[in-house]
Amino acid sequence: MVFAENLKILREKKELTQQQLADALGISRSTIGMYEKGNREPDFETLETIADFFNINMGRLIGDLTPTKGKWIPVLGYVRAGIPMDAVEYIIDYEEISEEMARKGDFFALQIKGNSMEPKISEGDIVIVRKQPDIESGEIAIVLVNGDEATIKKVQKFDGGINLIPSNSDYDVQTFTNAQIESMPVQILGKVVELRAKF
């Protein structure tokens, strides 16, 4: 319902009727009405169009309208090889990071799938990730193995390769030699810097 309330607030601030807004956006008045009642959710492209029309960040459109100095970053449903991280269809939400954090690099968020990092990190949780191609041994990273969907694991380095270590003892440690890292490949996409648990 947050989007519904925000849309009505923004429309009324501009002193527009539902019909005037619908005409400006190229959609029907009944659709605007359904949006404002919370009976229908717009798709990503429509959200973008509405945010552009009101000249606000999309994260504020679907979240808190209060002005903020933070930065909104996309939450991705998953990451795969060869797919740009900002590919529209994989953005499922937005999270806000502080201005101070944003100055320290390029960030994205990822929704966790599976339970290999339980109990600390559970399925559905959101992790904030700083993009970087390497990390220190013992840090938690988002790792792409053999072009498949990215996974979250603690990375342990040793002479000749790395171990990807799950927190859940039901899962095995994955070991890769330096040759495998090059050939498969095994690619570190970024360092996990923050966990935002979902209840």
Protein backbone atom coordinates (compact mmCIF):
# COMPACT_ATOMS: atom_id res chain seq x y z
CA MET A 1 0.00 0.00 0.00
CA VAL A 2 3.00 2.34 0.30
CA PHE A 3 3.13 2.91 -3.47
CA ALA A 4 -0.63 3.53 -3.57
CA GLU A 5 -0.41 6.20 -0.86
CA ASN A 6 2.67 7.82 -2.39
CA LEU A 7 1.10 8.03 -5.83
CA LYS A 8 -1.97 9.80 -4.46
CA ILE A 9 0.19 12.22 -2.42
CA LEU A 10 2.36 13.07 -5.43
CA ARG A 11 -0.64 13.48 -7.75
CA GLU A 12 -2.44 15.79 -5.33
CA LYS A 13 0.71 17.85 -4.73
CA LYS A 14 0.79 18.55 -8.46
CA GLU A 15 -2.94 19.30 -8.32
CA LEU A 16 -3.70 16.70 -10.98
CA THR A 17 -6.86 14.70 -11.39
CA GLN A 18 -6.57 10.96 -11.95
CA GLN A 19 -7.53 11.57 -15.58
CA GLN A 20 -4.84 14.22 -16.07
CA LEU A 21 -2.18 11.94 -14.61
CA ALA A 22 -3.41 9.04 -16.71
CA ASP A 23 -3.20 11.17 -19.87
CA ALA A 24 0.32 12.30 -18.97
CA LEU A 25 1.49 8.73 -18.41
CA GLY A 26 -0.35 7.22 -21.36
CA ILE A 27 -2.45 4.83 -19.28
CA SER A 28 -6.15 4.68 -18.38
CA ARG A 29 -7.80 6.60 -15.54
CA SER A 30 -9.19 3.33 -14.14
CA THR A 31 -5.62 2.00 -13.88
CA ILE A 32 -4.56 5.05 -11.85
CA GLY A 33 -7.60 4.46 -9.63
CA MET A 34 -6.62 0.83 -9.06
CA TYR A 35 -3.03 1.87 -8.28
CA GLU A 36 -4.20 4.39 -5.68
CA LYS A 37 -6.57 1.87 -4.04
CA GLY A 38 -3.82 -0.72 -3.87
CA ASN A 39 -5.78 -3.11 -6.08
CA ARG A 40 -3.06 -3.30 -8.71
CA GLU A 41 0.72 -2.98 -8.81
CA PRO A 42 2.52 -1.38 -11.78
CA ASP A 43 5.24 -3.23 -13.63
CA PHE A 44 8.85 -2.04 -13.45
CA GLU A 45 8.70 0.06 -16.63
CA THR A 46 5.56 1.86 -15.43
CA LEU A 47 7.20 2.54 -12.07
CA GLU A 48 10.13 4.06 -13.92
CA THR A 49 7.80 6.24 -15.99
CA ILE A 50 5.93 7.44 -12.92
CA ALA A 51 9.17 8.19 -11.02
CA ASP A 52 10.50 10.14 -14.01
CA PHE A 53 7.25 12.08 -14.32
CA PHE A 54 7.41 13.20 -10.67
CA ASN A 55 11.20 13.62 -10.87
CA ILE A 56 11.93 11.40 -7.88
CA ASN A 57 14.03 8.31 -7.22
CA MET A 58 12.11 5.09 -7.83
CA GLY A 59 13.10 3.86 -4.37
CA ARG A 60 11.28 6.84 -2.83
CA LEU A 61 8.22 6.16 -4.99
CA ILE A 62 7.82 2.68 -3.49
CA GLY A 63 9.23 3.56 -0.06
CA ASP A 64 9.58 6.62 2.14
CA LEU A 65 8.85 9.90 0.35
CA THR A 66 10.90 11.82 2.92
CA PRO A 67 13.96 13.36 1.24
CA THR A 68 17.13 11.48 2.06
CA LYS A 69 20.82 11.82 1.43
CA GLY A 70 21.20 8.06 1.10
CA LYS A 71 21.45 6.15 -2.14
CA TRP A 72 19.01 3.51 -3.38
CA ILE A 73 20.56 0.36 -4.83
CA PRO A 74 18.79 -2.47 -6.67
CA VAL A 75 17.95 -5.75 -4.97
CA LEU A 76 18.56 -8.53 -7.47
CA GLY A 77 16.67 -11.80 -7.42
CA TYR A 78 19.71 -13.59 -8.73
CA VAL A 79 22.94 -13.01 -10.61
CA ARG A 80 24.15 -15.13 -13.51
CA ALA A 81 27.12 -14.97 -15.85
CA GLY A 82 26.68 -12.77 -18.89
CA ILE A 83 23.68 -10.89 -17.49
CA PRO A 84 24.20 -7.21 -16.63
CA MET A 85 23.61 -6.56 -12.94
CA ASP A 86 21.14 -3.80 -13.75
CA ALA A 87 19.08 -6.01 -16.07
CA VAL A 88 15.57 -4.75 -15.40
CA GLU A 89 13.79 -8.09 -15.01
CA TYR A 90 16.06 -9.20 -12.17
CA ILE A 91 15.48 -6.15 -9.96
CA ILE A 92 12.93 -7.15 -7.33
CA ASP A 93 13.20 -4.26 -4.88
CA TYR A 94 15.42 -1.41 -3.69
CA GLU A 95 17.41 -0.91 -0.48
CA GLU A 96 18.84 2.34 0.81
CA ILE A 97 22.48 2.66 1.83
CA SER A 98 24.05 5.66 3.52
CA GLU A 99 25.80 8.39 1.59
CA GLU A 100 28.98 7.49 3.48
CA MET A 101 28.79 3.86 2.36
CA ALA A 102 27.96 4.85 -1.21
CA ARG A 103 31.21 6.83 -1.40
CA LYS A 104 33.21 3.67 -0.70
CA GLY A 105 32.42 1.88 -3.93
CA ASP A 106 29.76 0.44 -6.21
CA PHE A 107 27.06 -1.58 -4.46
CA PHE A 108 24.16 -3.88 -5.19
CA ALA A 109 21.90 -6.02 -3.00
CA LEU A 110 21.01 -9.67 -3.44
CA GLN A 111 18.13 -11.69 -2.07
CA ILE A 112 19.40 -14.96 -0.63
CA LYS A 113 18.16 -18.29 -1.94
CA GLY A 114 18.74 -21.55 -0.12
CA ASN A 115 19.95 -22.27 3.41
CA SER A 116 23.66 -23.01 2.98
CA MET A 117 24.60 -20.03 5.19
CA GLU A 118 22.15 -20.65 8.01
CA PRO A 119 21.76 -19.90 10.84
CA LYS A 120 23.25 -16.44 10.31
CA ILE A 121 21.93 -15.80 6.79
CA SER A 122 18.58 -17.29 5.82
CA GLU A 123 16.60 -17.65 2.62
CA GLY A 124 14.84 -14.39 1.77
CA ASP A 125 17.36 -12.22 3.61
CA ILE A 126 18.98 -9.31 1.77
CA VAL A 127 22.73 -8.80 1.69
CA ILE A 128 24.46 -5.57 0.68
CA VAL A 129 27.43 -6.28 -1.58
CA ARG A 130 30.33 -4.04 -2.63
CA LYS A 131 31.45 -4.95 -6.14
CA GLN A 132 35.09 -6.08 -6.15
CA PRO A 133 36.95 -8.87 -7.95
CA ASP A 134 38.86 -10.13 -4.90
CA ILE A 135 38.54 -10.30 -1.12
CA GLU A 136 40.62 -11.22 1.91
CA SER A 137 40.66 -14.81 3.13
CA GLY A 138 37.90 -15.38 5.67
CA GLU A 139 35.51 -12.81 4.25
CA ILE A 140 32.05 -13.60 2.87
CA ALA A 141 31.60 -13.08 -0.84
CA ILE A 142 29.17 -13.48 -3.69
CA VAL A 143 30.82 -15.99 -6.01
CA LEU A 144 29.96 -17.12 -9.52
CA VAL A 145 30.99 -20.72 -10.20
CA ASN A 146 31.10 -22.10 -13.73
CA GLY A 147 28.70 -19.48 -15.04
CA ASP A 148 25.84 -20.71 -12.86
CA GLU A 149 23.79 -18.60 -10.48
CA ALA A 150 25.88 -16.72 -7.94
CA THR A 151 26.25 -18.19 -4.46
CA ILE A 152 27.16 -16.70 -1.08
CA LYS A 153 30.02 -18.37 0.81
CA LYS A 154 32.93 -17.65 3.13
CA VAL A 155 36.12 -17.67 1.02
CA GLN A 156 39.20 -19.34 2.47
CA LYS A 157 42.38 -18.94 0.46
CA PHE A 158 45.32 -21.37 0.52
CA ASP A 159 48.42 -21.94 -1.60
CA GLY A 160 47.09 -23.32 -4.84
CA GLY A 161 43.40 -22.45 -4.57
CA ILE A 162 40.35 -21.52 -2.47
CA ASN A 163 37.66 -23.14 -0.36
CA LEU A 164 34.07 -21.93 -0.47
CA ILE A 165 32.74 -22.63 3.01
CA PRO A 166 29.03 -22.80 3.93
CA SER A 167 27.85 -22.03 7.47
CA ASN A 168 25.33 -24.88 7.37
CA SER A 169 27.07 -28.19 8.17
CA ASP A 170 24.61 -30.04 5.90
CA TYR A 171 26.54 -28.61 2.95
CA ASP A 172 30.02 -29.60 1.82
CA VAL A 173 32.98 -27.26 1.45
CA GLN A 174 33.78 -26.65 -2.24
CA THR A 175 37.48 -26.63 -3.11
CA PHE A 176 38.89 -25.18 -6.32
CA THR A 177 42.48 -25.17 -7.52
CA ASN A 178 43.96 -22.10 -9.19
CA ALA A 179 43.70 -23.95 -12.51
CA GLN A 180 39.97 -24.56 -11.94
CA ILE A 181 39.46 -20.95 -10.90
CA GLU A 182 40.82 -19.91 -14.30
CA SER A 183 39.17 -22.60 -16.43
CA MET A 184 35.66 -22.89 -14.96
CA PRO A 185 35.87 -19.95 -14.05
CA VAL A 186 35.31 -19.16 -10.36
CA GLN A 187 34.67 -15.42 -10.13
CA ILE A 188 34.26 -13.23 -7.05
CA LEU A 189 31.63 -10.59 -7.74
CA GLY A 190 31.83 -8.72 -4.47
CA LYS A 191 32.20 -8.64 -0.71
CA VAL A 192 29.16 -8.95 1.55
CA VAL A 193 29.27 -5.91 3.83
CA GLU A 194 25.87 -5.95 5.48
CA LEU A 195 22.99 -8.34 6.22
CA ARG A 196 19.41 -7.12 6.33
CA ALA A 197 17.36 -9.96 7.73
CA LYS A 198 13.72 -10.26 6.70
CA PHE A 199 11.10 -11.46 9.17
